[in-house]
Amino acid sequence: MPDVKHFDPSAVIGAVTQLLWQRGWADTGIADIVDTTGISRSSLYATFGSKQDLCLAALHRYLAEHAAPAFAALENGGRGLPTIAEFFGGLITARCTGPRARWGCLATNLQTNGTPRDEAFRDVLTEHHRRVRDALRTALGSANGLGQLRPDLDLDTAAEHLVLVAQGVNLRSRAGADASTLRSAVAAALNALRRPGDTTDTWPR
């Protein structure tokens, strides 16, 4: 097996990210990581510390590559409900098509299927929840400013509701729900936020 000096730690983190995303924390052991990366157990421990440290690095990688760009699009879209619909459309496409179809979301998977009893993991997942909620709240603020939303709508509560909708997409897609069903459910959730008479497109393409 490669010596600790002769492998790319970043590539290992990338491989572990894919493994953890697909299989989950409980079903990803050090032996699985050794088999996937071809790096010896001793080299992994010498470079990364524990399994928890390596998987935490993988979670950070996942959030930087997959979550952060989506949050930026929500915050900078400026079109209100269509921006939110695009966010959900991209989420559904990512969850239901391509090589990672039915993998769900790594952060949601860790929250629902178990994580190590480690404060660092909890802190990262809590911050992730805050980031997606705040990004959705920003987009809802734009929608409100454009007159798209019901006047009685509490934007903070609506943002939390949409986080739950996103988590539902992640979980249901992993369980096998088809994209059409998920789009219809998301459209219903977004339509419930609209001002009566508003014709803004809320279909998540």
N, C-alpha and C. Protein backbone atom coordinates (compact mmCIF):
# COMPACT_ATOMS: atom_id res chain seq x y z
N MET A 1 0.84 -1.20 0.00
CA MET A 1 0.00 0.00 0.00
C MET A 1 0.88 1.25 0.00
N PRO A 2 0.36 2.38 -0.52
CA PRO A 2 1.18 3.58 -0.59
C PRO A 2 1.62 4.04 0.79
N ASP A 3 2.83 4.54 0.87
CA ASP A 3 3.33 5.11 2.10
C ASP A 3 2.65 6.45 2.34
N VAL A 4 2.64 6.88 3.62
CA VAL A 4 1.99 8.13 3.98
C VAL A 4 2.53 9.31 3.19
N LYS A 5 3.79 9.23 2.76
CA LYS A 5 4.40 10.34 2.04
C LYS A 5 4.04 10.35 0.56
N HIS A 6 3.38 9.30 0.08
CA HIS A 6 3.20 9.15 -1.35
C HIS A 6 1.73 9.12 -1.76
N PHE A 7 0.88 9.82 -1.05
CA PHE A 7 -0.51 9.95 -1.49
C PHE A 7 -0.99 11.37 -1.21
N ASP A 8 -2.04 11.73 -1.91
CA ASP A 8 -2.59 13.08 -1.82
C ASP A 8 -3.71 13.09 -0.78
N PRO A 9 -3.52 13.73 0.37
CA PRO A 9 -4.57 13.75 1.39
C PRO A 9 -5.89 14.32 0.88
N SER A 10 -5.82 15.31 -0.03
CA SER A 10 -7.05 15.89 -0.56
C SER A 10 -7.84 14.86 -1.36
N ALA A 11 -7.14 14.02 -2.12
CA ALA A 11 -7.81 12.98 -2.89
C ALA A 11 -8.45 11.95 -1.96
N VAL A 12 -7.79 11.65 -0.86
CA VAL A 12 -8.36 10.72 0.12
C VAL A 12 -9.64 11.29 0.71
N ILE A 13 -9.62 12.57 1.08
CA ILE A 13 -10.82 13.20 1.63
C ILE A 13 -11.95 13.15 0.60
N GLY A 14 -11.62 13.38 -0.67
CA GLY A 14 -12.64 13.30 -1.71
C GLY A 14 -13.24 11.92 -1.82
N ALA A 15 -12.40 10.89 -1.76
CA ALA A 15 -12.90 9.52 -1.84
C ALA A 15 -13.75 9.17 -0.63
N VAL A 16 -13.34 9.61 0.54
CA VAL A 16 -14.10 9.33 1.76
C VAL A 16 -15.43 10.08 1.75
N THR A 17 -15.43 11.28 1.18
CA THR A 17 -16.68 12.03 1.06
C THR A 17 -17.71 11.22 0.28
N GLN A 18 -17.28 10.67 -0.86
CA GLN A 18 -18.19 9.86 -1.67
C GLN A 18 -18.66 8.62 -0.92
N LEU A 19 -17.75 7.97 -0.23
CA LEU A 19 -18.08 6.75 0.50
C LEU A 19 -19.06 7.03 1.63
N LEU A 20 -18.78 8.06 2.41
CA LEU A 20 -19.63 8.42 3.54
C LEU A 20 -21.00 8.87 3.05
N TRP A 21 -21.04 9.61 1.97
CA TRP A 21 -22.29 10.10 1.39
C TRP A 21 -23.16 8.93 0.95
N GLN A 22 -22.57 7.97 0.30
CA GLN A 22 -23.33 6.84 -0.22
C GLN A 22 -23.74 5.86 0.86
N ARG A 23 -22.85 5.58 1.80
CA ARG A 23 -23.07 4.48 2.74
C ARG A 23 -23.51 4.91 4.13
N GLY A 24 -23.16 6.14 4.53
CA GLY A 24 -23.51 6.60 5.87
C GLY A 24 -22.42 6.31 6.88
N TRP A 25 -22.54 6.96 8.04
CA TRP A 25 -21.52 6.85 9.08
C TRP A 25 -21.40 5.42 9.61
N ALA A 26 -22.52 4.82 9.97
CA ALA A 26 -22.48 3.50 10.62
C ALA A 26 -21.92 2.42 9.70
N ASP A 27 -22.14 2.56 8.39
CA ASP A 27 -21.71 1.54 7.45
C ASP A 27 -20.40 1.88 6.76
N THR A 28 -19.70 2.88 7.26
CA THR A 28 -18.39 3.23 6.73
C THR A 28 -17.35 3.02 7.81
N GLY A 29 -16.63 1.93 7.72
CA GLY A 29 -15.59 1.63 8.69
C GLY A 29 -14.21 1.93 8.13
N ILE A 30 -13.23 1.88 9.00
CA ILE A 30 -11.85 2.12 8.55
C ILE A 30 -11.45 1.10 7.48
N ALA A 31 -11.90 -0.15 7.63
CA ALA A 31 -11.58 -1.16 6.62
C ALA A 31 -12.14 -0.77 5.25
N ASP A 32 -13.34 -0.18 5.24
CA ASP A 32 -13.93 0.27 3.97
C ASP A 32 -13.12 1.41 3.37
N ILE A 33 -12.65 2.31 4.23
CA ILE A 33 -11.84 3.43 3.76
C ILE A 33 -10.51 2.94 3.20
N VAL A 34 -9.91 1.97 3.88
CA VAL A 34 -8.66 1.37 3.39
C VAL A 34 -8.89 0.74 2.02
N ASP A 35 -9.98 -0.02 1.88
CA ASP A 35 -10.27 -0.68 0.60
C ASP A 35 -10.51 0.33 -0.51
N THR A 36 -11.21 1.42 -0.19
CA THR A 36 -11.56 2.42 -1.20
C THR A 36 -10.35 3.25 -1.63
N THR A 37 -9.53 3.63 -0.68
CA THR A 37 -8.42 4.55 -0.98
C THR A 37 -7.12 3.83 -1.32
N GLY A 38 -6.99 2.58 -0.86
CA GLY A 38 -5.73 1.88 -1.05
C GLY A 38 -4.63 2.35 -0.11
N ILE A 39 -5.00 3.14 0.89
CA ILE A 39 -4.04 3.66 1.86
C ILE A 39 -4.10 2.81 3.12
N SER A 40 -2.96 2.49 3.68
CA SER A 40 -2.93 1.63 4.86
C SER A 40 -3.58 2.31 6.05
N ARG A 41 -4.07 1.49 6.95
CA ARG A 41 -4.69 2.00 8.18
C ARG A 41 -3.72 2.90 8.95
N SER A 42 -2.47 2.46 9.07
CA SER A 42 -1.50 3.25 9.84
C SER A 42 -1.24 4.60 9.19
N SER A 43 -1.20 4.64 7.85
CA SER A 43 -0.98 5.91 7.15
C SER A 43 -2.18 6.84 7.31
N LEU A 44 -3.38 6.26 7.27
CA LEU A 44 -4.58 7.08 7.47
C LEU A 44 -4.58 7.71 8.86
N TYR A 45 -4.28 6.90 9.87
CA TYR A 45 -4.27 7.43 11.23
C TYR A 45 -3.16 8.47 11.41
N ALA A 46 -2.01 8.21 10.80
CA ALA A 46 -0.89 9.14 10.94
C ALA A 46 -1.19 10.49 10.30
N THR A 47 -1.95 10.47 9.21
CA THR A 47 -2.23 11.70 8.47
C THR A 47 -3.46 12.43 8.99
N PHE A 48 -4.52 11.69 9.31
CA PHE A 48 -5.80 12.32 9.63
C PHE A 48 -6.22 12.18 11.09
N GLY A 49 -5.57 11.32 11.84
CA GLY A 49 -6.02 11.07 13.20
C GLY A 49 -7.03 9.94 13.22
N SER A 50 -8.21 10.19 13.74
CA SER A 50 -9.22 9.15 13.88
C SER A 50 -10.15 9.10 12.67
N LYS A 51 -10.99 8.07 12.64
CA LYS A 51 -12.06 8.00 11.64
C LYS A 51 -12.94 9.24 11.74
N GLN A 52 -13.23 9.68 12.95
CA GLN A 52 -14.07 10.87 13.13
C GLN A 52 -13.44 12.09 12.49
N ASP A 53 -12.14 12.27 12.68
CA ASP A 53 -11.46 13.43 12.10
C ASP A 53 -11.51 13.39 10.58
N LEU A 54 -11.29 12.21 10.01
CA LEU A 54 -11.30 12.08 8.56
C LEU A 54 -12.70 12.33 8.01
N CYS A 55 -13.72 11.78 8.66
CA CYS A 55 -15.08 11.96 8.18
C CYS A 55 -15.56 13.40 8.40
N LEU A 56 -15.06 14.06 9.43
CA LEU A 56 -15.39 15.47 9.62
C LEU A 56 -14.80 16.30 8.49
N ALA A 57 -13.57 15.98 8.08
CA ALA A 57 -12.97 16.66 6.94
C ALA A 57 -13.79 16.41 5.67
N ALA A 58 -14.31 15.19 5.53
CA ALA A 58 -15.16 14.87 4.38
C ALA A 58 -16.45 15.68 4.40
N LEU A 59 -17.04 15.85 5.57
CA LEU A 59 -18.26 16.65 5.69
C LEU A 59 -17.99 18.10 5.31
N HIS A 60 -16.88 18.65 5.78
CA HIS A 60 -16.51 20.02 5.39
C HIS A 60 -16.35 20.12 3.87
N ARG A 61 -15.71 19.12 3.27
CA ARG A 61 -15.53 19.13 1.82
C ARG A 61 -16.89 19.12 1.11
N TYR A 62 -17.77 18.25 1.56
CA TYR A 62 -19.10 18.16 0.95
C TYR A 62 -19.83 19.49 1.02
N LEU A 63 -19.84 20.11 2.18
CA LEU A 63 -20.58 21.37 2.34
C LEU A 63 -19.98 22.48 1.48
N ALA A 64 -18.66 22.51 1.38
CA ALA A 64 -18.02 23.55 0.57
C ALA A 64 -18.32 23.37 -0.91
N GLU A 65 -18.35 22.13 -1.37
CA GLU A 65 -18.51 21.87 -2.80
C GLU A 65 -19.96 21.81 -3.25
N HIS A 66 -20.86 21.37 -2.38
CA HIS A 66 -22.23 21.12 -2.81
C HIS A 66 -23.25 22.07 -2.17
N ALA A 67 -23.04 22.46 -0.93
CA ALA A 67 -24.03 23.31 -0.26
C ALA A 67 -23.75 24.79 -0.48
N ALA A 68 -22.51 25.21 -0.31
CA ALA A 68 -22.19 26.64 -0.38
C ALA A 68 -22.61 27.29 -1.70
N PRO A 69 -22.37 26.67 -2.87
CA PRO A 69 -22.81 27.31 -4.12
C PRO A 69 -24.33 27.48 -4.19
N ALA A 70 -25.07 26.50 -3.68
CA ALA A 70 -26.54 26.61 -3.70
C ALA A 70 -27.01 27.73 -2.78
N PHE A 71 -26.36 27.89 -1.64
CA PHE A 71 -26.73 28.97 -0.73
C PHE A 71 -26.44 30.33 -1.36
N ALA A 72 -25.30 30.43 -2.03
CA ALA A 72 -24.95 31.70 -2.68
C ALA A 72 -25.97 32.07 -3.75
N ALA A 73 -26.44 31.07 -4.50
CA ALA A 73 -27.44 31.33 -5.53
C ALA A 73 -28.75 31.82 -4.91
N LEU A 74 -29.13 31.25 -3.78
CA LEU A 74 -30.33 31.72 -3.08
C LEU A 74 -30.18 33.16 -2.62
N GLU A 75 -29.03 33.46 -2.06
CA GLU A 75 -28.81 34.79 -1.48
C GLU A 75 -28.66 35.88 -2.54
N ASN A 76 -28.18 35.50 -3.71
CA ASN A 76 -27.87 36.50 -4.74
C ASN A 76 -28.83 36.49 -5.92
N GLY A 77 -29.82 35.59 -5.89
CA GLY A 77 -30.72 35.47 -7.03
C GLY A 77 -31.57 36.70 -7.26
N GLY A 78 -32.14 37.24 -6.18
CA GLY A 78 -32.87 38.50 -6.27
C GLY A 78 -34.24 38.45 -6.92
N ARG A 79 -34.72 37.25 -7.29
CA ARG A 79 -36.02 37.17 -7.98
C ARG A 79 -37.11 36.58 -7.10
N GLY A 80 -36.81 36.35 -5.85
CA GLY A 80 -37.83 35.87 -4.93
C GLY A 80 -38.20 34.42 -5.14
N LEU A 81 -39.48 34.15 -5.32
CA LEU A 81 -39.96 32.77 -5.43
C LEU A 81 -39.33 32.00 -6.59
N PRO A 82 -39.12 32.60 -7.77
CA PRO A 82 -38.43 31.84 -8.82
C PRO A 82 -37.02 31.40 -8.41
N THR A 83 -36.32 32.22 -7.65
CA THR A 83 -35.00 31.82 -7.16
C THR A 83 -35.12 30.61 -6.24
N ILE A 84 -36.12 30.63 -5.36
CA ILE A 84 -36.32 29.50 -4.45
C ILE A 84 -36.73 28.25 -5.23
N ALA A 85 -37.59 28.43 -6.23
CA ALA A 85 -38.01 27.30 -7.06
C ALA A 85 -36.81 26.70 -7.79
N GLU A 86 -35.90 27.54 -8.27
CA GLU A 86 -34.70 27.04 -8.94
C GLU A 86 -33.81 26.26 -7.97
N PHE A 87 -33.71 26.74 -6.75
CA PHE A 87 -32.95 26.01 -5.73
C PHE A 87 -33.51 24.61 -5.56
N PHE A 88 -34.82 24.51 -5.40
CA PHE A 88 -35.43 23.19 -5.22
C PHE A 88 -35.35 22.35 -6.48
N GLY A 89 -35.48 22.98 -7.64
CA GLY A 89 -35.35 22.23 -8.88
C GLY A 89 -33.97 21.61 -9.02
N GLY A 90 -32.93 22.39 -8.68
CA GLY A 90 -31.58 21.86 -8.72
C GLY A 90 -31.37 20.75 -7.70
N LEU A 91 -31.98 20.92 -6.53
CA LEU A 91 -31.87 19.91 -5.48
C LEU A 91 -32.48 18.60 -5.94
N ILE A 92 -33.67 18.67 -6.51
CA ILE A 92 -34.37 17.46 -6.96
C ILE A 92 -33.60 16.78 -8.09
N THR A 93 -33.09 17.57 -9.03
CA THR A 93 -32.30 16.99 -10.12
C THR A 93 -31.07 16.28 -9.58
N ALA A 94 -30.38 16.92 -8.64
CA ALA A 94 -29.18 16.31 -8.07
C ALA A 94 -29.49 15.03 -7.31
N ARG A 95 -30.65 15.01 -6.64
CA ARG A 95 -30.98 13.84 -5.82
C ARG A 95 -31.54 12.67 -6.62
N CYS A 96 -32.08 12.96 -7.81
CA CYS A 96 -32.79 11.91 -8.55
C CYS A 96 -32.13 11.48 -9.85
N THR A 97 -31.08 12.17 -10.28
CA THR A 97 -30.44 11.81 -11.54
C THR A 97 -28.92 11.78 -11.36
N GLY A 98 -28.25 11.17 -12.33
CA GLY A 98 -26.80 11.17 -12.32
C GLY A 98 -26.22 10.07 -11.45
N PRO A 99 -24.90 10.06 -11.32
CA PRO A 99 -24.22 8.97 -10.61
C PRO A 99 -24.50 8.94 -9.11
N ARG A 100 -24.99 10.05 -8.55
CA ARG A 100 -25.28 10.08 -7.11
C ARG A 100 -26.77 10.06 -6.82
N ALA A 101 -27.56 9.64 -7.79
CA ALA A 101 -29.01 9.53 -7.58
C ALA A 101 -29.29 8.59 -6.41
N ARG A 102 -30.23 8.99 -5.57
CA ARG A 102 -30.68 8.21 -4.41
C ARG A 102 -29.67 8.20 -3.27
N TRP A 103 -28.64 9.04 -3.34
CA TRP A 103 -27.71 9.13 -2.22
C TRP A 103 -28.23 10.09 -1.14
N GLY A 104 -29.16 10.96 -1.49
CA GLY A 104 -29.62 11.96 -0.55
C GLY A 104 -28.58 13.05 -0.33
N CYS A 105 -28.65 13.67 0.83
CA CYS A 105 -27.73 14.74 1.22
C CYS A 105 -26.87 14.22 2.37
N LEU A 106 -25.57 14.40 2.28
CA LEU A 106 -24.70 13.88 3.33
C LEU A 106 -25.05 14.47 4.68
N ALA A 107 -25.31 15.77 4.75
CA ALA A 107 -25.63 16.40 6.03
C ALA A 107 -26.94 15.85 6.60
N THR A 108 -27.96 15.73 5.76
CA THR A 108 -29.24 15.17 6.23
C THR A 108 -29.07 13.71 6.63
N ASN A 109 -28.31 12.96 5.84
CA ASN A 109 -28.08 11.55 6.18
C ASN A 109 -27.44 11.41 7.55
N LEU A 110 -26.46 12.26 7.84
CA LEU A 110 -25.78 12.19 9.13
C LEU A 110 -26.73 12.58 10.27
N GLN A 111 -27.61 13.53 10.01
CA GLN A 111 -28.55 13.96 11.05
C GLN A 111 -29.59 12.89 11.36
N THR A 112 -29.94 12.09 10.37
CA THR A 112 -31.03 11.13 10.55
C THR A 112 -30.56 9.70 10.79
N ASN A 113 -29.36 9.37 10.31
CA ASN A 113 -28.89 7.99 10.41
C ASN A 113 -27.74 7.81 11.38
N GLY A 114 -27.49 8.82 12.17
CA GLY A 114 -26.49 8.67 13.21
C GLY A 114 -25.15 9.28 12.84
N THR A 115 -24.55 9.95 13.80
CA THR A 115 -23.22 10.51 13.69
C THR A 115 -22.47 10.13 14.95
N PRO A 116 -21.16 10.26 14.94
CA PRO A 116 -20.43 10.02 16.18
C PRO A 116 -20.87 11.01 17.26
N ARG A 117 -20.77 10.59 18.49
CA ARG A 117 -21.14 11.49 19.59
C ARG A 117 -20.01 12.49 19.79
N ASP A 118 -19.97 13.42 18.88
CA ASP A 118 -18.85 14.34 18.78
C ASP A 118 -19.40 15.74 18.63
N GLU A 119 -18.99 16.63 19.50
CA GLU A 119 -19.50 18.00 19.47
C GLU A 119 -19.14 18.71 18.18
N ALA A 120 -17.99 18.37 17.60
CA ALA A 120 -17.58 19.03 16.36
C ALA A 120 -18.56 18.73 15.24
N PHE A 121 -19.02 17.48 15.13
CA PHE A 121 -20.02 17.14 14.12
C PHE A 121 -21.31 17.90 14.36
N ARG A 122 -21.77 17.92 15.59
CA ARG A 122 -23.01 18.63 15.91
C ARG A 122 -22.90 20.11 15.57
N ASP A 123 -21.76 20.70 15.86
CA ASP A 123 -21.58 22.12 15.57
C ASP A 123 -21.64 22.40 14.07
N VAL A 124 -20.99 21.54 13.28
CA VAL A 124 -20.99 21.73 11.82
C VAL A 124 -22.40 21.58 11.26
N LEU A 125 -23.12 20.57 11.73
CA LEU A 125 -24.48 20.34 11.22
C LEU A 125 -25.44 21.44 11.67
N THR A 126 -25.25 21.95 12.88
CA THR A 126 -26.07 23.07 13.34
C THR A 126 -25.81 24.32 12.51
N GLU A 127 -24.54 24.57 12.21
CA GLU A 127 -24.19 25.72 11.38
C GLU A 127 -24.74 25.55 9.96
N HIS A 128 -24.71 24.32 9.46
CA HIS A 128 -25.28 24.06 8.13
C HIS A 128 -26.77 24.39 8.12
N HIS A 129 -27.48 23.97 9.14
CA HIS A 129 -28.91 24.28 9.23
C HIS A 129 -29.12 25.80 9.24
N ARG A 130 -28.31 26.50 9.99
CA ARG A 130 -28.45 27.95 10.05
C ARG A 130 -28.20 28.57 8.68
N ARG A 131 -27.19 28.06 7.97
CA ARG A 131 -26.86 28.64 6.67
C ARG A 131 -27.98 28.45 5.65
N VAL A 132 -28.55 27.26 5.59
CA VAL A 132 -29.62 27.05 4.61
C VAL A 132 -30.86 27.84 5.00
N ARG A 133 -31.16 27.90 6.29
CA ARG A 133 -32.31 28.70 6.74
C ARG A 133 -32.12 30.17 6.40
N ASP A 134 -30.94 30.69 6.66
CA ASP A 134 -30.69 32.11 6.41
C ASP A 134 -30.71 32.42 4.91
N ALA A 135 -30.19 31.50 4.10
CA ALA A 135 -30.21 31.72 2.66
C ALA A 135 -31.64 31.74 2.14
N LEU A 136 -32.46 30.83 2.63
CA LEU A 136 -33.87 30.82 2.24
C LEU A 136 -34.59 32.06 2.76
N ARG A 137 -34.23 32.50 3.96
CA ARG A 137 -34.83 33.72 4.51
C ARG A 137 -34.49 34.94 3.66
N THR A 138 -33.27 34.99 3.16
CA THR A 138 -32.88 36.09 2.27
C THR A 138 -33.70 36.08 0.99
N ALA A 139 -33.87 34.90 0.41
CA ALA A 139 -34.67 34.80 -0.82
C ALA A 139 -36.13 35.14 -0.56
N LEU A 140 -36.64 34.74 0.60
CA LEU A 140 -38.01 35.10 0.95
C LEU A 140 -38.15 36.61 1.15
N GLY A 141 -37.12 37.23 1.70
CA GLY A 141 -37.15 38.68 1.84
C GLY A 141 -37.25 39.37 0.48
N SER A 142 -36.52 38.84 -0.50
CA SER A 142 -36.63 39.38 -1.86
C SER A 142 -38.04 39.19 -2.41
N ALA A 143 -38.59 37.99 -2.19
CA ALA A 143 -39.95 37.72 -2.66
C ALA A 143 -40.96 38.67 -2.01
N ASN A 144 -40.76 38.93 -0.74
CA ASN A 144 -41.67 39.83 -0.04
C ASN A 144 -41.56 41.25 -0.60
N GLY A 145 -40.34 41.68 -0.86
CA GLY A 145 -40.14 43.01 -1.42
C GLY A 145 -40.73 43.16 -2.81
N LEU A 146 -40.84 42.05 -3.54
CA LEU A 146 -41.42 42.07 -4.88
C LEU A 146 -42.94 41.87 -4.86
N GLY A 147 -43.51 41.76 -3.67
CA GLY A 147 -44.96 41.61 -3.56
C GLY A 147 -45.48 40.24 -3.92
N GLN A 148 -44.63 39.22 -3.81
CA GLN A 148 -45.04 37.87 -4.22
C GLN A 148 -45.69 37.07 -3.09
N LEU A 149 -45.50 37.50 -1.84
CA LEU A 149 -45.91 36.67 -0.71
C LEU A 149 -47.18 37.18 -0.04
N ARG A 150 -47.85 36.25 0.65
CA ARG A 150 -49.01 36.62 1.45
C ARG A 150 -48.61 37.68 2.48
N PRO A 151 -49.43 38.68 2.70
CA PRO A 151 -49.06 39.73 3.66
C PRO A 151 -48.99 39.26 5.10
N ASP A 152 -49.66 38.15 5.41
CA ASP A 152 -49.66 37.65 6.79
C ASP A 152 -48.54 36.66 7.06
N LEU A 153 -47.66 36.44 6.09
CA LEU A 153 -46.64 35.40 6.21
C LEU A 153 -45.51 35.84 7.14
N ASP A 154 -45.16 34.98 8.08
CA ASP A 154 -43.98 35.21 8.92
C ASP A 154 -42.77 34.62 8.19
N LEU A 155 -41.84 35.47 7.80
CA LEU A 155 -40.74 35.02 6.94
C LEU A 155 -39.79 34.06 7.66
N ASP A 156 -39.57 34.27 8.94
CA ASP A 156 -38.68 33.37 9.67
C ASP A 156 -39.28 31.97 9.76
N THR A 157 -40.57 31.90 10.06
CA THR A 157 -41.25 30.61 10.13
C THR A 157 -41.28 29.94 8.76
N ALA A 158 -41.52 30.73 7.72
CA ALA A 158 -41.55 30.18 6.37
C ALA A 158 -40.19 29.62 5.97
N ALA A 159 -39.11 30.30 6.39
CA ALA A 159 -37.77 29.80 6.08
C ALA A 159 -37.52 28.45 6.75
N GLU A 160 -37.92 28.32 8.02
CA GLU A 160 -37.77 27.04 8.71
C GLU A 160 -38.60 25.96 8.02
N HIS A 161 -39.80 26.33 7.58
CA HIS A 161 -40.64 25.37 6.87
C HIS A 161 -39.96 24.88 5.60
N LEU A 162 -39.35 25.78 4.85
CA LEU A 162 -38.69 25.39 3.61
C LEU A 162 -37.45 24.54 3.86
N VAL A 163 -36.78 24.76 4.99
CA VAL A 163 -35.68 23.85 5.35
C VAL A 163 -36.21 22.43 5.52
N LEU A 164 -37.35 22.31 6.19
CA LEU A 164 -37.95 20.99 6.37
C LEU A 164 -38.36 20.38 5.03
N VAL A 165 -38.85 21.22 4.11
CA VAL A 165 -39.19 20.72 2.78
C VAL A 165 -37.94 20.19 2.08
N ALA A 166 -36.84 20.93 2.17
CA ALA A 166 -35.58 20.48 1.56
C ALA A 166 -35.11 19.17 2.17
N GLN A 167 -35.21 19.05 3.48
CA GLN A 167 -34.82 17.79 4.12
C GLN A 167 -35.73 16.65 3.68
N GLY A 168 -37.01 16.97 3.49
CA GLY A 168 -37.94 15.96 2.99
C GLY A 168 -37.56 15.48 1.60
N VAL A 169 -37.15 16.41 0.74
CA VAL A 169 -36.67 16.02 -0.60
C VAL A 169 -35.47 15.09 -0.48
N ASN A 170 -34.54 15.45 0.40
CA ASN A 170 -33.35 14.61 0.58
C ASN A 170 -33.70 13.20 1.04
N LEU A 171 -34.60 13.10 2.00
CA LEU A 171 -34.95 11.80 2.56
C LEU A 171 -35.82 10.98 1.61
N ARG A 172 -36.81 11.62 1.00
CA ARG A 172 -37.72 10.88 0.13
C ARG A 172 -37.01 10.44 -1.15
N SER A 173 -36.11 11.27 -1.67
CA SER A 173 -35.37 10.86 -2.87
C SER A 173 -34.49 9.65 -2.57
N ARG A 174 -33.87 9.65 -1.40
CA ARG A 174 -33.03 8.50 -1.02
C ARG A 174 -33.87 7.23 -0.89
N ALA A 175 -35.13 7.41 -0.50
CA ALA A 175 -36.03 6.26 -0.34
C ALA A 175 -36.65 5.83 -1.66
N GLY A 176 -36.41 6.59 -2.74
CA GLY A 176 -36.89 6.17 -4.05
C GLY A 176 -37.98 7.01 -4.67
N ALA A 177 -38.39 8.11 -4.04
CA ALA A 177 -39.43 8.97 -4.63
C ALA A 177 -38.95 9.53 -5.96
N ASP A 178 -39.86 9.62 -6.93
CA ASP A 178 -39.46 10.11 -8.25
C ASP A 178 -39.47 11.63 -8.29
N ALA A 179 -38.77 12.18 -9.27
CA ALA A 179 -38.59 13.63 -9.36
C ALA A 179 -39.92 14.36 -9.55
N SER A 180 -40.83 13.79 -10.34
CA SER A 180 -42.11 14.45 -10.59
C SER A 180 -42.91 14.62 -9.30
N THR A 181 -42.92 13.59 -8.48
CA THR A 181 -43.64 13.66 -7.20
C THR A 181 -43.03 14.73 -6.30
N LEU A 182 -41.72 14.78 -6.25
CA LEU A 182 -41.04 15.76 -5.40
C LEU A 182 -41.29 17.18 -5.91
N ARG A 183 -41.26 17.38 -7.22
CA ARG A 183 -41.52 18.72 -7.77
C ARG A 183 -42.94 19.18 -7.45
N SER A 184 -43.89 18.28 -7.56
CA SER A 184 -45.28 18.64 -7.25
C SER A 184 -45.43 19.04 -5.79
N ALA A 185 -44.76 18.30 -4.90
CA ALA A 185 -44.84 18.62 -3.47
C ALA A 185 -44.20 19.97 -3.17
N VAL A 186 -43.05 20.24 -3.77
CA VAL A 186 -42.39 21.52 -3.55
C VAL A 186 -43.23 22.66 -4.11
N ALA A 187 -43.78 22.48 -5.30
CA ALA A 187 -44.62 23.53 -5.90
C ALA A 187 -45.80 23.85 -5.00
N ALA A 188 -46.40 22.83 -4.39
CA ALA A 188 -47.52 23.07 -3.48
C ALA A 188 -47.08 23.88 -2.27
N ALA A 189 -45.89 23.57 -1.75
CA ALA A 189 -45.37 24.31 -0.59
C ALA A 189 -45.11 25.77 -0.96
N LEU A 190 -44.56 26.01 -2.14
CA LEU A 190 -44.27 27.39 -2.55
C LEU A 190 -45.54 28.15 -2.89
N ASN A 191 -46.49 27.48 -3.51
CA ASN A 191 -47.76 28.14 -3.84
C ASN A 191 -48.49 28.60 -2.59
N ALA A 192 -48.32 27.87 -1.50
CA ALA A 192 -48.98 28.24 -0.25
C ALA A 192 -48.43 29.55 0.33
N LEU A 193 -47.27 29.97 -0.13
CA LEU A 193 -46.66 31.21 0.36
C LEU A 193 -47.10 32.43 -0.45
N ARG A 194 -47.66 32.21 -1.62
CA ARG A 194 -47.90 33.31 -2.56
C ARG A 194 -49.08 34.18 -2.15
N ARG A 195 -48.95 35.45 -2.50
CA ARG A 195 -50.06 36.39 -2.35
C ARG A 195 -51.18 35.98 -3.29
N PRO A 196 -52.44 36.02 -2.82
CA PRO A 196 -53.56 35.70 -3.71
C PRO A 196 -53.52 36.56 -4.97
N GLY A 197 -53.65 35.91 -6.09
CA GLY A 197 -53.61 36.61 -7.36
C GLY A 197 -52.22 36.71 -7.97
N ASP A 198 -51.19 36.37 -7.21
CA ASP A 198 -49.83 36.42 -7.75
C ASP A 198 -49.63 35.28 -8.74
N THR A 199 -48.99 35.57 -9.85
CA THR A 199 -48.80 34.56 -10.90
C THR A 199 -47.33 34.19 -11.09
N THR A 200 -46.51 34.48 -10.10
CA THR A 200 -45.09 34.14 -10.19
C THR A 200 -44.91 32.64 -10.40
N ASP A 201 -43.99 32.28 -11.29
CA ASP A 201 -43.72 30.87 -11.56
C ASP A 201 -42.99 30.24 -10.38
N THR A 202 -43.57 29.21 -9.80
CA THR A 202 -42.95 28.54 -8.66
C THR A 202 -42.69 27.06 -8.94
N TRP A 203 -42.70 26.67 -10.21
CA TRP A 203 -42.44 25.26 -10.52
C TRP A 203 -40.93 24.99 -10.46
N PRO A 204 -40.51 24.01 -9.65
CA PRO A 204 -39.07 23.73 -9.48
C PRO A 204 -38.48 22.93 -10.63
N ARG A 205 -38.02 23.61 -11.66
CA ARG A 205 -37.46 22.94 -12.84
C ARG A 205 -36.05 22.45 -12.57
